Amino acid sequence: MIQNILCAIRREGSEGHPNRQPFRGLLTWIDVPSDRAVSGARGRRIVITRLAAENAIHTLLGMGIDHHPSSTHHDPRRKVGIITHAEVVEKRIEIAGFIFAKDFPEVVDAVRAGRTSEYGFSYAMSDVVIENTKQRVWTIAKCTFTGAALLLKHKAAYQNTWIELL
């Protein structure tokens, strides 16, 4: 049912809507170790397995995109957009949705101003199952995605993510 609602949100009334700036982007990589340690991983880098990604991909639908004014970290109480599409493509999780353009014009302006190469995504998750917590790089076997953050790439666990406004 949520998939049908999100499909309707994606299609209905989005053309020219003043508060819906469509975007697409690369949220994260799968079966690839993170470039940096992630929050909550006790200083360790992580890998999301393909199976974990495929099993959790649906949990991204309807989740918020957050953004802190400094663009350096997550701000889960400041939602600037919504994810309406998520899929596993080869070794990537790609997302699409809307940034609330009228509510957060500074976010859209920053991405649109030619600084898109500076911005990427980070994800938030819960209910994480780690294969072996004694490993130097933690392998995530199971998770639930709880959202994403739009931030500067060099502050993200995976520094080669991206966003594109459509």
Foldseek 3Di string as FASTA:
>chain_A
DLLVVLVCVVPPPQVPDLFWFKKKKFADFAPDWFQWPDPPLVGAIEHEHPQQCVVAQVLQAFAFEAEDPVLQDGDRVHGQWGWSDWDDDPGTIMTMTTGRCVVCVVVVCCCVVPCQLQKFKYWDWDPWDWPDSVDRYTYTPHIHTRYMYIGGLVNHRHNPMTMDTD
